[in-house]
């Protein structure tokens, strides 16, 4: 299996002085995801937790919702030119009786056989296809200081980032702020898929009491993944997109952006925050 990091010789210049030395780079390799032997998607990822990545990807696309819907996940032998195993092709076999939906999967685009990324239709598609609607019984309640502490806890858990500086991360916390899982990848969508896939494999879906934190911005795709896993709170250290906010409002997700220190912006469903002073009405 490919390594998480690789070494390369570089010319380093510091304060006008130059020298050659080895540098650690994050590994990036393609992963082909197959469903019942049929190729569905190719993603560029950091090797590691590949089975969880494939499972989480299929959760986000509405194919899987529970561990018992998977019969096997395995690397495909003969994927390398010498007929060996390159560990870059994963085949997910569904359990007997689990339907294979008629969908077309493409990385970075939410799409079905009838609709591509098309605004309101895409919002409706995510809301109607999830098998784990975001629950509020009772609602998750978060103090702002709990949210404020999460980025530092995520950073402390990013072991590969410390060596390379080139990885995104996604972390799952409980409502008390305790770290449940953290995954790193060259793609932030892959990091989220790995977290969701590991939750599926352990029988933890839906993540109805979870807080998902991502190290970059909050895109439509990341909100989609949170919705499909039943996550009520998604936080990001950077900005959300307009369509991400629309989807969060539509599906009941509390979306937090610019989570830095004691500051944050709450873009939707702020009723889950416990505020001491007057706060905005829940949206």
Protein backbone atom coordinates (compact mmCIF):
# COMPACT_ATOMS: atom_id res chain seq x y z
CA UNK A 1 0.00 0.00 0.00
CA UNK A 2 1.21 3.52 -0.75
CA UNK A 3 2.83 5.49 2.02
CA UNK A 4 1.23 8.53 3.61
CA UNK A 5 4.35 10.61 3.04
CA UNK A 6 7.25 10.57 0.58
CA UNK A 7 10.69 12.14 0.67
CA UNK A 8 12.03 14.48 -2.01
CA UNK A 9 15.31 16.38 -2.30
CA UNK A 10 14.73 20.14 -2.34
CA UNK A 11 16.74 23.32 -2.42
CA UNK A 12 15.92 25.24 0.74
CA UNK A 13 16.60 28.96 0.89
CA UNK A 14 16.58 30.68 4.26
CA UNK A 15 17.74 34.24 4.86
CA UNK A 16 19.75 34.22 1.66
CA UNK A 17 21.50 30.92 2.39
CA UNK A 18 20.75 27.84 0.30
CA UNK A 19 21.31 24.15 0.87
CA UNK A 20 19.94 20.84 -0.43
CA UNK A 21 18.11 18.57 1.96
CA UNK A 22 15.27 16.02 2.01
CA UNK A 23 11.71 17.20 2.57
CA UNK A 24 8.56 15.28 3.51
CA UNK A 25 5.64 15.53 1.10
CA UNK A 26 2.14 14.23 1.53
CA UNK A 27 1.50 11.29 -0.82
CA UNK A 28 -1.21 11.67 -3.47
CA UNK A 29 -2.40 8.68 -5.49
CA UNK A 30 -5.59 7.84 -7.41
CA UNK A 31 -8.21 5.56 -5.90
CA UNK A 32 -10.84 3.97 -8.12
CA UNK A 33 -14.05 3.06 -6.30
CA UNK A 34 -16.11 0.23 -7.73
CA UNK A 35 -19.58 -0.91 -6.71
CA UNK A 36 -20.32 -4.59 -7.31
CA UNK A 37 -17.44 -4.65 -9.79
CA UNK A 38 -18.56 -1.58 -11.74
CA UNK A 39 -16.30 1.48 -11.80
CA UNK A 40 -18.05 4.49 -10.29
CA UNK A 41 -15.51 7.14 -9.35
CA UNK A 42 -11.85 8.03 -9.20
CA UNK A 43 -10.55 10.35 -6.51
CA UNK A 44 -7.06 11.62 -5.77
CA UNK A 45 -6.39 10.75 -2.16
CA UNK A 46 -3.74 10.19 0.48
CA UNK A 47 -3.37 6.39 0.91
CA UNK A 48 -4.76 5.08 4.17
CA UNK A 49 -8.25 4.21 5.44
CA UNK A 50 -9.18 3.43 1.83
CA UNK A 51 -12.05 1.09 2.77
CA UNK A 52 -13.51 3.78 5.04
CA UNK A 53 -13.08 6.33 2.24
CA UNK A 54 -15.01 4.13 -0.19
CA UNK A 55 -17.75 3.42 2.35
CA UNK A 56 -18.09 7.08 3.31
CA UNK A 57 -18.24 8.13 -0.32
CA UNK A 58 -21.13 5.72 -0.88
CA UNK A 59 -22.90 7.02 2.22
CA UNK A 60 -22.65 10.56 0.89
CA UNK A 61 -24.13 9.43 -2.44
CA UNK A 62 -27.08 7.66 -0.79
CA UNK A 63 -25.95 4.12 -1.62
CA UNK A 64 -25.18 2.99 1.95
CA UNK A 65 -26.64 3.84 5.34
CA UNK A 66 -25.74 0.88 7.59
CA UNK A 67 -22.86 -1.55 8.06
CA UNK A 68 -24.98 -4.62 7.29
CA UNK A 69 -25.61 -3.30 3.76
CA UNK A 70 -21.99 -4.09 2.90
CA UNK A 71 -20.97 -7.65 2.11
CA UNK A 72 -17.28 -7.02 1.46
CA UNK A 73 -14.81 -4.24 0.73
CA UNK A 74 -11.58 -5.37 -0.88
CA UNK A 75 -8.68 -4.23 -3.01
CA UNK A 76 -8.77 -5.53 -6.55
CA UNK A 77 -5.87 -7.80 -7.50
CA UNK A 78 -4.43 -7.36 -10.97
CA UNK A 79 -4.81 -3.60 -10.89
CA UNK A 80 -1.08 -3.01 -11.41
CA UNK A 81 0.64 -3.34 -14.82
CA UNK A 82 2.49 -6.49 -13.68
CA UNK A 83 -0.85 -8.06 -12.69
CA UNK A 84 -0.07 -7.38 -9.05
CA UNK A 85 -2.00 -5.30 -6.56
CA UNK A 86 -1.39 -1.55 -6.64
CA UNK A 87 -3.83 -0.99 -3.76
CA UNK A 88 -5.44 1.78 -5.79
CA UNK A 89 -8.71 0.04 -6.74
CA UNK A 90 -11.36 -0.79 -4.13
CA UNK A 91 -14.49 -2.81 -4.85
CA UNK A 92 -17.49 -2.52 -2.54
CA UNK A 93 -19.88 -5.48 -2.75
CA UNK A 94 -23.38 -4.90 -1.41
CA UNK A 95 -25.12 -7.40 0.83
CA UNK A 96 -27.82 -9.58 -0.77
CA UNK A 97 -31.07 -7.69 -1.23
CA UNK A 98 -29.53 -4.22 -1.04
CA UNK A 99 -30.59 -2.37 -4.19
CA UNK A 100 -28.02 -0.86 -6.50
CA UNK A 101 -29.38 2.62 -7.26
CA UNK A 102 -29.34 3.96 -10.78
CA UNK A 103 -26.97 6.83 -10.17
CA UNK A 104 -23.87 8.23 -11.79
CA UNK A 105 -21.10 9.18 -9.42
CA UNK A 106 -18.52 11.85 -10.20
CA UNK A 107 -16.08 13.22 -7.68
CA UNK A 108 -16.73 16.83 -6.59
CA UNK A 109 -20.18 16.95 -8.28
CA UNK A 110 -23.43 15.90 -6.68
CA UNK A 111 -25.37 14.26 -9.51
CA UNK A 112 -28.04 11.71 -10.29
CA UNK A 113 -29.20 10.23 -13.56
CA UNK A 114 -31.76 13.01 -13.87
CA UNK A 115 -30.11 16.05 -12.35
CA UNK A 116 -26.69 17.58 -12.04
CA UNK A 117 -25.57 20.41 -9.81
CA UNK A 118 -28.49 22.74 -10.43
CA UNK A 119 -29.31 24.90 -7.44
CA UNK A 120 -32.70 24.23 -5.84
CA UNK A 121 -33.01 20.82 -7.48
CA UNK A 122 -29.74 19.78 -5.83
CA UNK A 123 -30.95 20.98 -2.42
CA UNK A 124 -34.15 18.99 -2.78
CA UNK A 125 -32.27 15.92 -3.95
CA UNK A 126 -30.04 15.81 -0.84
CA UNK A 127 -32.98 16.42 1.50
CA UNK A 128 -35.15 13.71 -0.03
CA UNK A 129 -32.43 11.07 -0.49
CA UNK A 130 -30.89 11.02 2.97
CA UNK A 131 -31.94 8.10 5.14
CA UNK A 132 -30.73 9.90 8.26
CA UNK A 133 -32.56 13.25 8.44
CA UNK A 134 -30.93 15.64 10.90
CA UNK A 135 -32.69 15.01 14.21
CA UNK A 136 -33.48 17.45 17.01
CA UNK A 137 -34.92 15.19 19.71
CA UNK A 138 -33.55 16.61 21.92
CA UNK A 139 -31.41 19.17 20.10
CA UNK A 140 -27.66 19.12 20.49
CA UNK A 141 -26.70 22.06 22.71
CA UNK A 142 -23.25 23.61 22.39
CA UNK A 143 -21.59 26.37 24.36
CA UNK A 144 -19.50 28.71 22.17
CA UNK A 145 -16.42 27.95 24.29
CA UNK A 146 -16.77 24.24 23.42
CA UNK A 147 -16.77 25.07 19.71
CA UNK A 148 -13.87 27.48 20.13
CA UNK A 149 -11.67 24.74 21.59
CA UNK A 150 -12.20 22.30 18.69
CA UNK A 151 -9.74 23.69 16.07
CA UNK A 152 -6.81 23.41 18.49
CA UNK A 153 -7.80 19.84 19.37
CA UNK A 154 -7.97 19.02 15.68
CA UNK A 155 -4.58 20.61 15.05
CA UNK A 156 -3.01 18.63 17.91
CA UNK A 157 -4.28 15.40 16.33
CA UNK A 158 -2.93 16.13 12.81
CA UNK A 159 0.19 13.98 12.97
CA UNK A 160 0.94 13.93 9.23
CA UNK A 161 0.29 17.65 8.83
CA UNK A 162 3.11 18.30 11.30
CA UNK A 163 5.53 16.58 8.92
CA UNK A 164 4.22 17.91 5.60
CA UNK A 165 1.98 20.98 6.09
CA UNK A 166 -0.04 19.71 3.13
CA UNK A 167 -3.11 17.90 4.43
CA UNK A 168 -6.73 18.69 5.14
CA UNK A 169 -8.41 17.12 8.12
CA UNK A 170 -11.87 16.27 9.39
CA UNK A 171 -12.66 15.49 12.99
CA UNK A 172 -15.74 14.15 14.73
CA UNK A 173 -16.48 15.38 18.24
CA UNK A 174 -19.30 14.68 20.66
CA UNK A 175 -21.42 17.53 21.99
CA UNK A 176 -19.11 17.86 24.99
CA UNK A 177 -16.13 18.53 22.74
CA UNK A 178 -14.43 15.14 23.15
CA UNK A 179 -12.59 13.93 20.04
CA UNK A 180 -14.09 10.73 18.60
CA UNK A 181 -12.18 10.41 15.32
CA UNK A 182 -9.85 12.38 13.07
CA UNK A 183 -8.78 11.66 9.49
CA UNK A 184 -6.34 13.43 7.19
CA UNK A 185 -6.22 13.54 3.41
CA UNK A 186 -4.97 15.68 0.56
CA UNK A 187 -8.66 16.31 -0.24
CA UNK A 188 -10.96 17.70 2.43
CA UNK A 189 -13.91 15.78 0.95
CA UNK A 190 -11.92 12.55 1.31
CA UNK A 191 -11.12 13.31 4.95
CA UNK A 192 -14.85 13.66 5.66
CA UNK A 193 -15.62 10.46 3.74
CA UNK A 194 -13.07 8.59 5.87
CA UNK A 195 -14.69 9.81 9.08
CA UNK A 196 -18.19 8.91 7.85
CA UNK A 197 -17.03 5.56 6.47
CA UNK A 198 -15.42 4.58 9.77
CA UNK A 199 -18.65 5.50 11.52
CA UNK A 200 -20.61 3.28 9.11
CA UNK A 201 -18.19 0.38 9.62
CA UNK A 202 -18.57 0.62 13.40
CA UNK A 203 -22.36 0.86 13.27
CA UNK A 204 -22.36 4.45 14.57
CA UNK A 205 -24.61 6.01 11.91
CA UNK A 206 -26.51 8.25 12.17
CA UNK A 207 -24.15 10.70 13.86
CA UNK A 208 -27.10 12.47 15.42
CA UNK A 209 -25.13 13.84 18.42
CA UNK A 210 -21.96 14.64 16.51
CA UNK A 211 -20.07 17.80 15.61
CA UNK A 212 -18.04 17.60 12.42
CA UNK A 213 -15.10 20.01 12.05
CA UNK A 214 -13.25 20.55 8.77
CA UNK A 215 -9.91 22.28 8.40
CA UNK A 216 -10.79 24.38 5.34
CA UNK A 217 -13.87 26.02 3.96
CA UNK A 218 -17.40 24.60 4.04
CA UNK A 219 -18.60 23.76 0.54
CA UNK A 220 -21.95 22.44 -0.67
CA UNK A 221 -20.39 18.99 -0.95
CA UNK A 222 -19.24 18.93 2.68
CA UNK A 223 -22.66 19.99 3.95
CA UNK A 224 -24.15 17.26 1.75
CA UNK A 225 -21.89 14.68 3.39
CA UNK A 226 -22.86 15.88 6.86
CA UNK A 227 -26.56 15.67 5.99
CA UNK A 228 -26.24 12.15 4.57
CA UNK A 229 -24.59 11.00 7.82
CA UNK A 230 -27.18 12.73 10.04
CA UNK A 231 -24.66 15.23 11.50
CA UNK A 232 -26.45 18.19 13.15
CA UNK A 233 -23.46 20.56 13.43
CA UNK A 234 -20.78 21.27 10.82
CA UNK A 235 -18.02 23.73 11.66
CA UNK A 236 -15.23 25.06 9.46
CA UNK A 237 -12.23 27.25 10.16
CA UNK A 238 -12.84 29.16 6.93
CA UNK A 239 -15.82 30.46 4.95
CA UNK A 240 -18.88 28.63 3.65
CA UNK A 241 -20.26 29.05 0.16
CA UNK A 242 -23.72 30.47 -0.49
CA UNK A 243 -25.06 27.11 -1.67
CA UNK A 244 -23.60 25.42 1.42
CA UNK A 245 -25.57 27.83 3.60
CA UNK A 246 -28.74 27.24 1.55
CA UNK A 247 -28.39 23.47 2.00
CA UNK A 248 -27.74 23.79 5.74
CA UNK A 249 -30.84 25.96 6.16
CA UNK A 250 -32.91 23.53 4.07
CA UNK A 251 -31.83 20.38 5.92
CA UNK A 252 -31.54 21.54 9.54
CA UNK A 253 -27.76 21.62 9.91
CA UNK A 254 -26.12 24.20 12.15
CA UNK A 255 -23.35 25.60 9.97
CA UNK A 256 -20.49 27.46 11.64
CA UNK A 257 -17.78 29.25 9.69
CA UNK A 258 -14.65 31.28 10.49
CA UNK A 259 -14.21 29.29 13.71
CA UNK A 260 -11.05 30.94 15.00
CA UNK A 261 -10.34 31.42 18.66
CA UNK A 262 -13.38 32.81 20.41
CA UNK A 263 -14.85 34.13 17.14
CA UNK A 264 -17.23 32.39 14.77
CA UNK A 265 -20.12 33.04 12.39
CA UNK A 266 -23.22 30.88 12.69
CA UNK A 267 -25.05 30.78 9.36
CA UNK A 268 -28.00 28.49 10.11
CA UNK A 269 -29.99 26.94 12.94
CA UNK A 270 -28.26 28.83 15.74
CA UNK A 271 -30.78 27.43 18.25
CA UNK A 272 -28.20 24.75 19.07
CA UNK A 273 -25.84 27.31 20.60
CA UNK A 274 -26.16 28.09 24.30
CA UNK A 275 -25.70 31.85 24.58
CA UNK A 276 -25.50 33.86 27.80
CA UNK A 277 -26.64 37.14 26.28
CA UNK A 278 -29.31 37.97 23.72
CA UNK A 279 -28.78 35.89 20.58
CA UNK A 280 -30.18 35.80 17.13
CA UNK A 281 -33.37 33.85 16.58
CA UNK A 282 -32.81 30.30 15.31
CA UNK A 283 -32.74 29.91 11.56
